[in-house]
């Protein structure tokens, strides 16, 4: 019953933020730590490739654990009914959905096991396309953002294209962040699926979007109608980072990034060029520091847990970020 309940929660039940299958979470943590440890000792490009294998392989491992647990459970039921404990017999019933048991109890258990096997098969057939469809949509959004804001995306890259294009980007980002939060809470293994291009990731893209939204919200005067869209995008992104960190980063919040004075000056100049009514510089700095404190610790915790890098504040830091990929795998 325990394995059936875990399988139901892992593959069928829409998960709440505070309800995650314990066995599935244990599998991720037990396998991910040594996997990441090995990747730390490889060259960055090889480390990224190895880490990219984890998501698909962990999905297959999770399925194998459920199947093995169910076979052991049904063997115990046969044993409890007076028969011998035979894992081979249970495996034959489960994998081929055919059985040859004598006695009412053993035939009933065998029939239930065969029905369970069919249910597991059809559940997995429906589960895998959903996972890869969500992954494909995520990567499309990341690629679209990279064409506008660089690879990896940055707050300055997002803010550099004028207010009209920024509004369109924020509107799309709000929708994408909501969809990604829901799919990654429903399918936590998606967080371990790496992006197709080195230096890009869903975490970097999401954090860059929240960075840009936070800069607009901190800079604009209270009540400015132009900043409402940025505020909505910031709230959605902050919510996504908080929920995903609670789900995926058991170590808790981590120290955030530093914002250099040169970066702050350039971000302020980009906002001034948009023509928005702005608050004084010092007030803007204080507001931005407060807003960053609401999401950066969660973003940093996810980066440490998943061996991903947070985005730079400016596109001109991209070369440095790529040269320093190695430290991201040594955390």
C-alpha atoms as a PDB file:
ATOM      1  CA  UNK A   1       0.000   0.000   0.000  1.00  0.00           C
ATOM      2  CA  UNK A   2       2.863   2.359   0.777  1.00  0.00           C
ATOM      3  CA  UNK A   3       4.417   1.881  -2.660  1.00  0.00           C
ATOM      4  CA  UNK A   4       1.063   2.289  -4.396  1.00  0.00           C
ATOM      5  CA  UNK A   5       0.408   5.490  -2.441  1.00  0.00           C
ATOM      6  CA  UNK A   6       3.859   6.842  -3.299  1.00  0.00           C
ATOM      7  CA  UNK A   7       3.429   5.941  -6.960  1.00  0.00           C
ATOM      8  CA  UNK A   8       0.044   7.668  -7.016  1.00  0.00           C
ATOM      9  CA  UNK A   9       1.455  10.861  -5.458  1.00  0.00           C
ATOM     10  CA  UNK A  10       4.587  10.861  -7.632  1.00  0.00           C
ATOM     11  CA  UNK A  11       2.979  10.224 -11.016  1.00  0.00           C
ATOM     12  CA  UNK A  12      -0.688  11.225 -10.789  1.00  0.00           C
ATOM     13  CA  UNK A  13      -1.500  13.597  -7.944  1.00  0.00           C
ATOM     14  CA  UNK A  14      -0.954  17.346  -8.487  1.00  0.00           C
ATOM     15  CA  UNK A  15       1.474  18.127  -5.686  1.00  0.00           C
ATOM     16  CA  UNK A  16       1.226  20.825  -3.120  1.00  0.00           C
ATOM     17  CA  UNK A  17       4.343  22.721  -2.190  1.00  0.00           C
ATOM     18  CA  UNK A  18       4.588  20.965   1.189  1.00  0.00           C
ATOM     19  CA  UNK A  19       3.630  17.487  -0.006  1.00  0.00           C
ATOM     20  CA  UNK A  20       6.300  15.543  -1.832  1.00  0.00           C
ATOM     21  CA  UNK A  21       6.704  11.757  -2.039  1.00  0.00           C
ATOM     22  CA  UNK A  22       9.263  10.825   0.623  1.00  0.00           C
ATOM     23  CA  UNK A  23      10.675   7.896  -1.320  1.00  0.00           C
ATOM     24  CA  UNK A  24      11.069   9.958  -4.492  1.00  0.00           C
ATOM     25  CA  UNK A  25      12.744  12.782  -2.580  1.00  0.00           C
ATOM     26  CA  UNK A  26      15.053  10.270  -0.932  1.00  0.00           C
ATOM     27  CA  UNK A  27      16.028   8.838  -4.324  1.00  0.00           C
ATOM     28  CA  UNK A  28      16.895  12.282  -5.700  1.00  0.00           C
ATOM     29  CA  UNK A  29      18.984  13.255  -2.693  1.00  0.00           C
ATOM     30  CA  UNK A  30      20.773   9.919  -2.377  1.00  0.00           C
ATOM     31  CA  UNK A  31      21.780   9.799  -6.047  1.00  0.00           C
ATOM     32  CA  UNK A  32      22.257  13.508  -6.765  1.00  0.00           C
ATOM     33  CA  UNK A  33      24.912  14.166  -4.118  1.00  0.00           C
ATOM     34  CA  UNK A  34      27.476  11.609  -5.328  1.00  0.00           C
ATOM     35  CA  UNK A  35      26.578  12.420  -8.942  1.00  0.00           C
ATOM     36  CA  UNK A  36      27.311  16.095  -8.336  1.00  0.00           C
ATOM     37  CA  UNK A  37      30.467  15.199  -6.394  1.00  0.00           C
ATOM     38  CA  UNK A  38      31.826  13.323  -9.403  1.00  0.00           C
ATOM     39  CA  UNK A  39      30.889  16.189 -11.747  1.00  0.00           C
ATOM     40  CA  UNK A  40      32.795  18.661  -9.545  1.00  0.00           C
ATOM     41  CA  UNK A  41      36.009  16.877 -10.435  1.00  0.00           C
ATOM     42  CA  UNK A  42      35.594  17.086 -14.194  1.00  0.00           C
ATOM     43  CA  UNK A  43      36.263  19.872 -16.645  1.00  0.00           C
ATOM     44  CA  UNK A  44      33.314  22.315 -16.816  1.00  0.00           C
ATOM     45  CA  UNK A  45      32.035  21.196 -20.213  1.00  0.00           C
ATOM     46  CA  UNK A  46      32.188  17.536 -19.185  1.00  0.00           C
ATOM     47  CA  UNK A  47      30.654  18.316 -15.814  1.00  0.00           C
ATOM     48  CA  UNK A  48      27.686  19.998 -17.455  1.00  0.00           C
ATOM     49  CA  UNK A  49      27.194  17.018 -19.748  1.00  0.00           C
ATOM     50  CA  UNK A  50      27.312  14.581 -16.826  1.00  0.00           C
ATOM     51  CA  UNK A  51      24.876  16.658 -14.780  1.00  0.00           C
ATOM     52  CA  UNK A  52      22.582  16.754 -17.800  1.00  0.00           C
ATOM     53  CA  UNK A  53      22.269  12.971 -17.736  1.00  0.00           C
ATOM     54  CA  UNK A  54      20.932  12.977 -14.203  1.00  0.00           C
ATOM     55  CA  UNK A  55      17.345  14.044 -14.882  1.00  0.00           C
ATOM     56  CA  UNK A  56      16.429  11.376 -17.476  1.00  0.00           C
ATOM     57  CA  UNK A  57      18.326   8.628 -15.648  1.00  0.00           C
ATOM     58  CA  UNK A  58      16.794   9.544 -12.291  1.00  0.00           C
ATOM     59  CA  UNK A  59      13.343   9.290 -13.866  1.00  0.00           C
ATOM     60  CA  UNK A  60      14.107   5.756 -15.038  1.00  0.00           C
ATOM     61  CA  UNK A  61      15.600   4.897 -11.628  1.00  0.00           C
ATOM     62  CA  UNK A  62      12.507   6.227  -9.873  1.00  0.00           C
ATOM     63  CA  UNK A  63      10.271   4.059 -12.040  1.00  0.00           C
ATOM     64  CA  UNK A  64      12.485   1.023 -11.417  1.00  0.00           C
ATOM     65  CA  UNK A  65      12.268   1.577  -7.645  1.00  0.00           C
ATOM     66  CA  UNK A  66       8.470   1.743  -7.761  1.00  0.00           C
ATOM     67  CA  UNK A  67       8.227  -1.430  -9.848  1.00  0.00           C
ATOM     68  CA  UNK A  68      10.661  -3.340  -7.642  1.00  0.00           C
ATOM     69  CA  UNK A  69       8.880  -2.174  -4.494  1.00  0.00           C
ATOM     70  CA  UNK A  70       5.516  -3.239  -5.859  1.00  0.00           C
ATOM     71  CA  UNK A  71       6.846  -6.668  -6.773  1.00  0.00           C
ATOM     72  CA  UNK A  72       8.288  -7.101  -3.282  1.00  0.00           C
ATOM     73  CA  UNK A  73       5.013  -5.992  -1.754  1.00  0.00           C
ATOM     74  CA  UNK A  74       2.956  -8.477  -3.745  1.00  0.00           C
ATOM     75  CA  UNK A  75       5.455 -11.229  -2.894  1.00  0.00           C
ATOM     76  CA  UNK A  76       4.873 -10.435   0.778  1.00  0.00           C
ATOM     77  CA  UNK A  77       1.100 -10.668   0.250  1.00  0.00           C
ATOM     78  CA  UNK A  78       1.512 -14.108  -1.336  1.00  0.00           C
ATOM     79  CA  UNK A  79       3.716 -15.126   1.559  1.00  0.00           C
ATOM     80  CA  UNK A  80       1.155 -13.872   4.092  1.00  0.00           C
ATOM     81  CA  UNK A  81      -1.480 -16.080   2.437  1.00  0.00           C
ATOM     82  CA  UNK A  82       0.497 -19.224   3.158  1.00  0.00           C
ATOM     83  CA  UNK A  83       2.629 -19.448   0.056  1.00  0.00           C
ATOM     84  CA  UNK A  84       6.365 -18.994  -0.213  1.00  0.00           C
ATOM     85  CA  UNK A  85       8.114 -15.680  -0.754  1.00  0.00           C
ATOM     86  CA  UNK A  86       8.908 -15.797  -4.475  1.00  0.00           C
ATOM     87  CA  UNK A  87      10.136 -12.614  -6.091  1.00  0.00           C
ATOM     88  CA  UNK A  88      10.586 -14.457  -9.394  1.00  0.00           C
ATOM     89  CA  UNK A  89       6.915 -15.429  -9.453  1.00  0.00           C
ATOM     90  CA  UNK A  90       5.852 -11.902  -8.599  1.00  0.00           C
ATOM     91  CA  UNK A  91       8.119 -10.462 -11.290  1.00  0.00           C
ATOM     92  CA  UNK A  92       6.625 -12.834 -13.844  1.00  0.00           C
ATOM     93  CA  UNK A  93       3.113 -11.773 -12.894  1.00  0.00           C
ATOM     94  CA  UNK A  94       3.958  -8.068 -12.865  1.00  0.00           C
ATOM     95  CA  UNK A  95       6.020  -7.915 -16.042  1.00  0.00           C
ATOM     96  CA  UNK A  96       4.030 -10.323 -18.184  1.00  0.00           C
ATOM     97  CA  UNK A  97       0.579  -9.844 -16.524  1.00  0.00           C
ATOM     98  CA  UNK A  98       0.135 -13.622 -16.587  1.00  0.00           C
ATOM     99  CA  UNK A  99       0.090 -15.873 -13.530  1.00  0.00           C
ATOM    100  CA  UNK A 100      -0.496 -19.401 -12.421  1.00  0.00           C
ATOM    101  CA  UNK A 101      -1.528 -19.378  -8.761  1.00  0.00           C
ATOM    102  CA  UNK A 102      -3.585 -21.944  -6.873  1.00  0.00           C
ATOM    103  CA  UNK A 103      -6.047 -20.951  -4.184  1.00  0.00           C
ATOM    104  CA  UNK A 104      -8.472 -18.068  -3.937  1.00  0.00           C
ATOM    105  CA  UNK A 105      -6.147 -15.744  -2.014  1.00  0.00           C
ATOM    106  CA  UNK A 106      -3.163 -16.258  -4.305  1.00  0.00           C
ATOM    107  CA  UNK A 107      -5.237 -15.908  -7.461  1.00  0.00           C
ATOM    108  CA  UNK A 108      -6.836 -12.712  -6.132  1.00  0.00           C
ATOM    109  CA  UNK A 109      -3.440 -11.244  -5.253  1.00  0.00           C
ATOM    110  CA  UNK A 110      -2.064 -12.288  -8.647  1.00  0.00           C
ATOM    111  CA  UNK A 111      -4.981 -10.683 -10.446  1.00  0.00           C
ATOM    112  CA  UNK A 112      -4.530  -7.472  -8.459  1.00  0.00           C
ATOM    113  CA  UNK A 113      -0.818  -7.454  -9.268  1.00  0.00           C
ATOM    114  CA  UNK A 114      -1.477  -7.911 -12.987  1.00  0.00           C
ATOM    115  CA  UNK A 115      -4.017  -5.072 -12.901  1.00  0.00           C
ATOM    116  CA  UNK A 116      -1.501  -2.881 -11.081  1.00  0.00           C
ATOM    117  CA  UNK A 117       1.104  -3.603 -13.754  1.00  0.00           C
ATOM    118  CA  UNK A 118      -1.280  -2.500 -16.498  1.00  0.00           C
ATOM    119  CA  UNK A 119      -2.109   0.660 -14.545  1.00  0.00           C
ATOM    120  CA  UNK A 120       1.584   1.465 -14.048  1.00  0.00           C
ATOM    121  CA  UNK A 121       2.277   0.964 -17.756  1.00  0.00           C
ATOM    122  CA  UNK A 122      -0.473   3.310 -18.908  1.00  0.00           C
ATOM    123  CA  UNK A 123       0.415   5.878 -16.238  1.00  0.00           C
ATOM    124  CA  UNK A 124       4.026   6.001 -17.414  1.00  0.00           C
ATOM    125  CA  UNK A 125       2.918   6.218 -21.060  1.00  0.00           C
ATOM    126  CA  UNK A 126       0.918   9.316 -20.175  1.00  0.00           C
ATOM    127  CA  UNK A 127       3.538  10.732 -17.787  1.00  0.00           C
ATOM    128  CA  UNK A 128       6.596  10.825 -20.042  1.00  0.00           C
ATOM    129  CA  UNK A 129       5.062  12.945 -22.849  1.00  0.00           C
ATOM    130  CA  UNK A 130       3.863  15.459 -20.251  1.00  0.00           C
ATOM    131  CA  UNK A 131       7.356  15.783 -18.790  1.00  0.00           C
ATOM    132  CA  UNK A 132       9.068  16.280 -22.138  1.00  0.00           C
ATOM    133  CA  UNK A 133       6.379  18.647 -23.373  1.00  0.00           C
ATOM    134  CA  UNK A 134       6.913  20.836 -20.303  1.00  0.00           C
ATOM    135  CA  UNK A 135      10.688  20.668 -20.868  1.00  0.00           C
ATOM    136  CA  UNK A 136      10.321  21.680 -24.516  1.00  0.00           C
ATOM    137  CA  UNK A 137       8.111  24.675 -23.691  1.00  0.00           C
ATOM    138  CA  UNK A 138      10.570  25.773 -21.009  1.00  0.00           C
ATOM    139  CA  UNK A 139      13.518  25.667 -23.392  1.00  0.00           C
ATOM    140  CA  UNK A 140      11.631  27.559 -26.095  1.00  0.00           C
ATOM    141  CA  UNK A 141      10.977  30.385 -23.640  1.00  0.00           C
ATOM    142  CA  UNK A 142      14.639  30.438 -22.539  1.00  0.00           C
ATOM    143  CA  UNK A 143      15.820  30.599 -26.143  1.00  0.00           C
ATOM    144  CA  UNK A 144      13.434  33.450 -26.926  1.00  0.00           C
ATOM    145  CA  UNK A 145      14.658  35.377 -23.903  1.00  0.00           C
ATOM    146  CA  UNK A 146      18.302  34.821 -24.880  1.00  0.00           C
ATOM    147  CA  UNK A 147      17.726  36.487 -28.264  1.00  0.00           C
ATOM    148  CA  UNK A 148      16.573  39.634 -26.449  1.00  0.00           C
ATOM    149  CA  UNK A 149      18.708  39.702 -23.332  1.00  0.00           C
ATOM    150  CA  UNK A 150      21.814  37.667 -24.156  1.00  0.00           C
ATOM    151  CA  UNK A 151      22.952  34.227 -23.126  1.00  0.00           C
ATOM    152  CA  UNK A 152      22.787  34.009 -20.211  1.00  0.00           C
ATOM    153  CA  UNK A 153      20.108  36.661 -19.847  1.00  0.00           C
ATOM    154  CA  UNK A 154      20.797  39.606 -17.555  1.00  0.00           C
ATOM    155  CA  UNK A 155      18.755  42.402 -16.015  1.00  0.00           C
ATOM    156  CA  UNK A 156      20.570  45.024 -18.076  1.00  0.00           C
ATOM    157  CA  UNK A 157      20.046  42.986 -21.229  1.00  0.00           C
ATOM    158  CA  UNK A 158      16.310  42.845 -20.570  1.00  0.00           C
ATOM    159  CA  UNK A 159      16.083  46.573 -19.767  1.00  0.00           C
ATOM    160  CA  UNK A 160      18.178  47.730 -22.724  1.00  0.00           C
ATOM    161  CA  UNK A 161      15.544  47.524 -25.469  1.00  0.00           C
ATOM    162  CA  UNK A 162      13.143  50.300 -24.584  1.00  0.00           C
ATOM    163  CA  UNK A 163       9.933  50.417 -22.601  1.00  0.00           C
ATOM    164  CA  UNK A 164       7.614  49.037 -25.288  1.00  0.00           C
ATOM    165  CA  UNK A 165       9.702  45.901 -25.819  1.00  0.00           C
ATOM    166  CA  UNK A 166      10.261  45.605 -22.070  1.00  0.00           C
ATOM    167  CA  UNK A 167       6.515  45.510 -21.499  1.00  0.00           C
ATOM    168  CA  UNK A 168       6.143  42.721 -24.042  1.00  0.00           C
ATOM    169  CA  UNK A 169       9.020  40.785 -22.441  1.00  0.00           C
ATOM    170  CA  UNK A 170       7.574  41.172 -18.935  1.00  0.00           C
ATOM    171  CA  UNK A 171       4.122  40.136 -20.091  1.00  0.00           C
ATOM    172  CA  UNK A 172       5.496  36.943 -21.649  1.00  0.00           C
ATOM    173  CA  UNK A 173       7.767  36.371 -18.641  1.00  0.00           C
ATOM    174  CA  UNK A 174       4.872  36.575 -16.195  1.00  0.00           C
ATOM    175  CA  UNK A 175       3.031  33.844 -18.072  1.00  0.00           C
ATOM    176  CA  UNK A 176       6.154  31.699 -18.477  1.00  0.00           C
ATOM    177  CA  UNK A 177       7.130  31.957 -14.795  1.00  0.00           C
ATOM    178  CA  UNK A 178       3.640  30.866 -13.743  1.00  0.00           C
ATOM    179  CA  UNK A 179       3.620  27.905 -16.109  1.00  0.00           C
ATOM    180  CA  UNK A 180       7.141  26.865 -15.156  1.00  0.00           C
ATOM    181  CA  UNK A 181       6.360  27.019 -11.442  1.00  0.00           C
ATOM    182  CA  UNK A 182       3.372  24.734 -11.901  1.00  0.00           C
ATOM    183  CA  UNK A 183       5.172  22.202 -14.115  1.00  0.00           C
ATOM    184  CA  UNK A 184       8.291  22.071 -11.913  1.00  0.00           C
ATOM    185  CA  UNK A 185       6.222  21.572  -8.779  1.00  0.00           C
ATOM    186  CA  UNK A 186       4.252  18.809 -10.493  1.00  0.00           C
ATOM    187  CA  UNK A 187       7.378  17.230 -12.036  1.00  0.00           C
ATOM    188  CA  UNK A 188      10.323  18.104  -9.718  1.00  0.00           C
ATOM    189  CA  UNK A 189      12.796  16.156 -11.843  1.00  0.00           C
ATOM    190  CA  UNK A 190      12.394  18.827 -14.538  1.00  0.00           C
ATOM    191  CA  UNK A 191      14.529  21.113 -12.393  1.00  0.00           C
ATOM    192  CA  UNK A 192      17.453  18.722 -12.925  1.00  0.00           C
ATOM    193  CA  UNK A 193      17.067  18.721 -16.718  1.00  0.00           C
ATOM    194  CA  UNK A 194      19.783  21.001 -18.073  1.00  0.00           C
ATOM    195  CA  UNK A 195      19.259  23.444 -20.896  1.00  0.00           C
ATOM    196  CA  UNK A 196      20.477  22.631 -24.376  1.00  0.00           C
ATOM    197  CA  UNK A 197      23.067  25.432 -24.467  1.00  0.00           C
ATOM    198  CA  UNK A 198      26.019  25.767 -22.091  1.00  0.00           C
ATOM    199  CA  UNK A 199      25.673  28.780 -19.816  1.00  0.00           C
ATOM    200  CA  UNK A 200      21.867  28.910 -19.994  1.00  0.00           C
ATOM    201  CA  UNK A 201      19.412  27.516 -17.473  1.00  0.00           C
ATOM    202  CA  UNK A 202      15.843  27.947 -16.347  1.00  0.00           C
ATOM    203  CA  UNK A 203      17.081  29.333 -13.020  1.00  0.00           C
ATOM    204  CA  UNK A 204      19.286  31.929 -14.666  1.00  0.00           C
ATOM    205  CA  UNK A 205      16.465  33.047 -16.963  1.00  0.00           C
ATOM    206  CA  UNK A 206      13.921  33.246 -14.154  1.00  0.00           C
ATOM    207  CA  UNK A 207      16.282  35.143 -11.861  1.00  0.00           C
ATOM    208  CA  UNK A 208      17.180  37.616 -14.614  1.00  0.00           C
ATOM    209  CA  UNK A 209      13.488  38.310 -15.167  1.00  0.00           C
ATOM    210  CA  UNK A 210      12.944  38.912 -11.455  1.00  0.00           C
ATOM    211  CA  UNK A 211      16.087  41.091 -11.366  1.00  0.00           C
ATOM    212  CA  UNK A 212      14.797  43.327 -14.157  1.00  0.00           C
ATOM    213  CA  UNK A 213      11.338  43.533 -12.603  1.00  0.00           C
ATOM    214  CA  UNK A 214      12.836  44.430  -9.218  1.00  0.00           C
ATOM    215  CA  UNK A 215      14.907  47.235 -10.783  1.00  0.00           C
ATOM    216  CA  UNK A 216      11.796  48.737 -12.401  1.00  0.00           C
ATOM    217  CA  UNK A 217       9.710  48.445  -9.227  1.00  0.00           C
ATOM    218  CA  UNK A 218      12.493  49.954  -7.081  1.00  0.00           C
ATOM    219  CA  UNK A 219      13.114  52.833  -9.485  1.00  0.00           C
ATOM    220  CA  UNK A 220       9.577  53.922 -10.398  1.00  0.00           C
ATOM    221  CA  UNK A 221       7.545  56.259  -8.253  1.00  0.00           C
ATOM    222  CA  UNK A 222       4.793  54.688  -6.152  1.00  0.00           C
ATOM    223  CA  UNK A 223       1.575  54.403  -8.106  1.00  0.00           C
ATOM    224  CA  UNK A 224       3.218  54.764 -11.507  1.00  0.00           C
ATOM    225  CA  UNK A 225       0.924  52.824 -13.877  1.00  0.00           C
ATOM    226  CA  UNK A 226       3.870  51.857 -16.077  1.00  0.00           C
ATOM    227  CA  UNK A 227       5.412  49.846 -13.233  1.00  0.00           C
ATOM    228  CA  UNK A 228       2.347  47.726 -12.504  1.00  0.00           C
ATOM    229  CA  UNK A 229       3.293  45.038 -15.021  1.00  0.00           C
ATOM    230  CA  UNK A 230       6.813  44.861 -13.582  1.00  0.00           C
ATOM    231  CA  UNK A 231       5.356  44.506 -10.085  1.00  0.00           C
ATOM    232  CA  UNK A 232       3.112  41.617 -11.172  1.00  0.00           C
ATOM    233  CA  UNK A 233       6.025  39.872 -12.892  1.00  0.00           C
ATOM    234  CA  UNK A 234       8.200  40.370  -9.808  1.00  0.00           C
ATOM    235  CA  UNK A 235       5.559  38.858  -7.526  1.00  0.00           C
ATOM    236  CA  UNK A 236       5.088  35.816  -9.753  1.00  0.00           C
ATOM    237  CA  UNK A 237       8.837  35.261 -10.089  1.00  0.00           C
ATOM    238  CA  UNK A 238       9.429  35.680  -6.358  1.00  0.00           C
ATOM    239  CA  UNK A 239       6.639  33.208  -5.663  1.00  0.00           C
ATOM    240  CA  UNK A 240       8.128  30.685  -8.094  1.00  0.00           C
ATOM    241  CA  UNK A 241      11.601  30.933  -6.567  1.00  0.00           C
ATOM    242  CA  UNK A 242      10.227  30.572  -3.038  1.00  0.00           C
ATOM    243  CA  UNK A 243       8.102  27.518  -3.810  1.00  0.00           C
ATOM    244  CA  UNK A 244      10.790  25.786  -5.852  1.00  0.00           C
ATOM    245  CA  UNK A 245      13.438  26.462  -3.219  1.00  0.00           C
ATOM    246  CA  UNK A 246      11.157  24.981  -0.570  1.00  0.00           C
ATOM    247  CA  UNK A 247      10.667  21.909  -2.742  1.00  0.00           C
ATOM    248  CA  UNK A 248      14.180  21.379  -4.093  1.00  0.00           C
ATOM    249  CA  UNK A 249      16.712  23.045  -1.767  1.00  0.00           C
ATOM    250  CA  UNK A 250      16.575  21.378   1.670  1.00  0.00           C
ATOM    251  CA  UNK A 251      19.581  23.363   2.931  1.00  0.00           C
ATOM    252  CA  UNK A 252      17.499  26.556   3.006  1.00  0.00           C
ATOM    253  CA  UNK A 253      18.296  30.115   1.844  1.00  0.00           C
ATOM    254  CA  UNK A 254      21.851  31.008   0.820  1.00  0.00           C
ATOM    255  CA  UNK A 255      23.749  34.309   0.517  1.00  0.00           C
ATOM    256  CA  UNK A 256      22.794  36.265  -2.584  1.00  0.00           C
ATOM    257  CA  UNK A 257      24.949  38.040  -5.161  1.00  0.00           C
ATOM    258  CA  UNK A 258      26.686  41.373  -4.874  1.00  0.00           C
ATOM    259  CA  UNK A 259      25.530  44.342  -6.942  1.00  0.00           C
ATOM    260  CA  UNK A 260      28.569  46.408  -7.901  1.00  0.00           C
ATOM    261  CA  UNK A 261      28.321  50.199  -8.051  1.00  0.00           C
ATOM    262  CA  UNK A 262      29.005  50.196 -11.794  1.00  0.00           C
ATOM    263  CA  UNK A 263      26.175  47.738 -12.339  1.00  0.00           C
ATOM    264  CA  UNK A 264      23.794  49.835 -10.266  1.00  0.00           C
ATOM    265  CA  UNK A 265      24.704  52.979 -12.193  1.00  0.00           C
ATOM    266  CA  UNK A 266      24.096  51.318 -15.565  1.00  0.00           C
ATOM    267  CA  UNK A 267      20.786  49.816 -14.461  1.00  0.00           C
ATOM    268  CA  UNK A 268      19.667  53.244 -13.251  1.00  0.00           C
ATOM    269  CA  UNK A 269      20.690  54.800 -16.590  1.00  0.00           C
ATOM    270  CA  UNK A 270      18.655  52.232 -18.507  1.00  0.00           C
ATOM    271  CA  UNK A 271      15.570  53.017 -16.418  1.00  0.00           C
ATOM    272  CA  UNK A 272      16.088  56.766 -16.880  1.00  0.00           C
ATOM    273  CA  UNK A 273      16.187  56.256 -20.650  1.00  0.00           C
ATOM    274  CA  UNK A 274      12.726  54.675 -20.519  1.00  0.00           C
ATOM    275  CA  UNK A 275      11.131  57.944 -19.410  1.00  0.00           C
ATOM    276  CA  UNK A 276       9.477  56.539 -16.259  1.00  0.00           C
ATOM    277  CA  UNK A 277       8.910  58.855 -13.266  1.00  0.00           C
ATOM    278  CA  UNK A 278      11.709  57.843 -10.893  1.00  0.00           C
ATOM    279  CA  UNK A 279      12.437  58.073  -7.177  1.00  0.00           C
ATOM    280  CA  UNK A 280      15.763  59.533  -5.933  1.00  0.00           C
ATOM    281  CA  UNK A 281      18.873  57.394  -6.331  1.00  0.00           C
ATOM    282  CA  UNK A 282      19.365  56.608  -2.628  1.00  0.00           C
ATOM    283  CA  UNK A 283      15.748  55.615  -2.166  1.00  0.00           C
ATOM    284  CA  UNK A 284      16.019  53.436  -5.254  1.00  0.00           C
ATOM    285  CA  UNK A 285      19.059  51.651  -3.796  1.00  0.00           C
ATOM    286  CA  UNK A 286      17.281  50.980  -0.512  1.00  0.00           C
ATOM    287  CA  UNK A 287      14.170  49.660  -2.216  1.00  0.00           C
ATOM    288  CA  UNK A 288      16.171  47.451  -4.550  1.00  0.00           C
ATOM    289  CA  UNK A 289      18.143  45.983  -1.631  1.00  0.00           C
ATOM    290  CA  UNK A 290      14.879  45.163   0.156  1.00  0.00           C
ATOM    291  CA  UNK A 291      13.370  43.564  -2.954  1.00  0.00           C
ATOM    292  CA  UNK A 292      16.493  41.516  -3.607  1.00  0.00           C
ATOM    293  CA  UNK A 293      16.305  40.181  -0.070  1.00  0.00           C
ATOM    294  CA  UNK A 294      12.888  38.735  -0.876  1.00  0.00           C
ATOM    295  CA  UNK A 295      14.067  36.419  -3.675  1.00  0.00           C
ATOM    296  CA  UNK A 296      17.860  36.208  -3.955  1.00  0.00           C
ATOM    297  CA  UNK A 297      18.389  33.849  -0.968  1.00  0.00           C
ATOM    298  CA  UNK A 298      15.994  31.352  -2.559  1.00  0.00           C
ATOM    299  CA  UNK A 299      17.605  31.740  -5.982  1.00  0.00           C
ATOM    300  CA  UNK A 300      21.058  31.219  -4.451  1.00  0.00           C
ATOM    301  CA  UNK A 301      19.861  28.114  -2.587  1.00  0.00           C
ATOM    302  CA  UNK A 302      18.551  26.621  -5.837  1.00  0.00           C
ATOM    303  CA  UNK A 303      21.814  27.470  -7.598  1.00  0.00           C
ATOM    304  CA  UNK A 304      23.855  25.672  -4.944  1.00  0.00           C
ATOM    305  CA  UNK A 305      21.579  22.648  -4.851  1.00  0.00           C
ATOM    306  CA  UNK A 306      21.312  22.199  -8.626  1.00  0.00           C
ATOM    307  CA  UNK A 307      24.877  23.285  -9.521  1.00  0.00           C
ATOM    308  CA  UNK A 308      23.616  26.158 -11.650  1.00  0.00           C
ATOM    309  CA  UNK A 309      24.877  29.733 -11.933  1.00  0.00           C
ATOM    310  CA  UNK A 310      22.846  32.831 -11.222  1.00  0.00           C
ATOM    311  CA  UNK A 311      22.826  35.422 -14.008  1.00  0.00           C
ATOM    312  CA  UNK A 312      25.104  38.464 -14.189  1.00  0.00           C
ATOM    313  CA  UNK A 313      23.620  41.908 -13.831  1.00  0.00           C
ATOM    314  CA  UNK A 314      25.110  43.145 -17.115  1.00  0.00           C
ATOM    315  CA  UNK A 315      25.777  41.428 -20.468  1.00  0.00           C
ATOM    316  CA  UNK A 316      29.404  42.531 -20.415  1.00  0.00           C
ATOM    317  CA  UNK A 317      29.967  40.052 -17.585  1.00  0.00           C
ATOM    318  CA  UNK A 318      29.066  37.094 -19.781  1.00  0.00           C
ATOM    319  CA  UNK A 319      32.636  36.292 -20.805  1.00  0.00           C
ATOM    320  CA  UNK A 320      33.713  36.312 -17.188  1.00  0.00           C
ATOM    321  CA  UNK A 321      30.768  34.168 -16.198  1.00  0.00           C
ATOM    322  CA  UNK A 322      31.636  31.535 -18.808  1.00  0.00           C
ATOM    323  CA  UNK A 323      35.287  31.480 -17.751  1.00  0.00           C
ATOM    324  CA  UNK A 324      34.169  30.916 -14.176  1.00  0.00           C
ATOM    325  CA  UNK A 325      31.784  28.083 -14.863  1.00  0.00           C
ATOM    326  CA  UNK A 326      33.968  25.671 -12.913  1.00  0.00           C
ATOM    327  CA  UNK A 327      33.293  27.157  -9.436  1.00  0.00           C
ATOM    328  CA  UNK A 328      29.557  26.584  -9.931  1.00  0.00           C
ATOM    329  CA  UNK A 329      30.213  22.835  -9.898  1.00  0.00           C
ATOM    330  CA  UNK A 330      32.410  22.944  -6.817  1.00  0.00           C
ATOM    331  CA  UNK A 331      29.840  24.273  -4.386  1.00  0.00           C
END
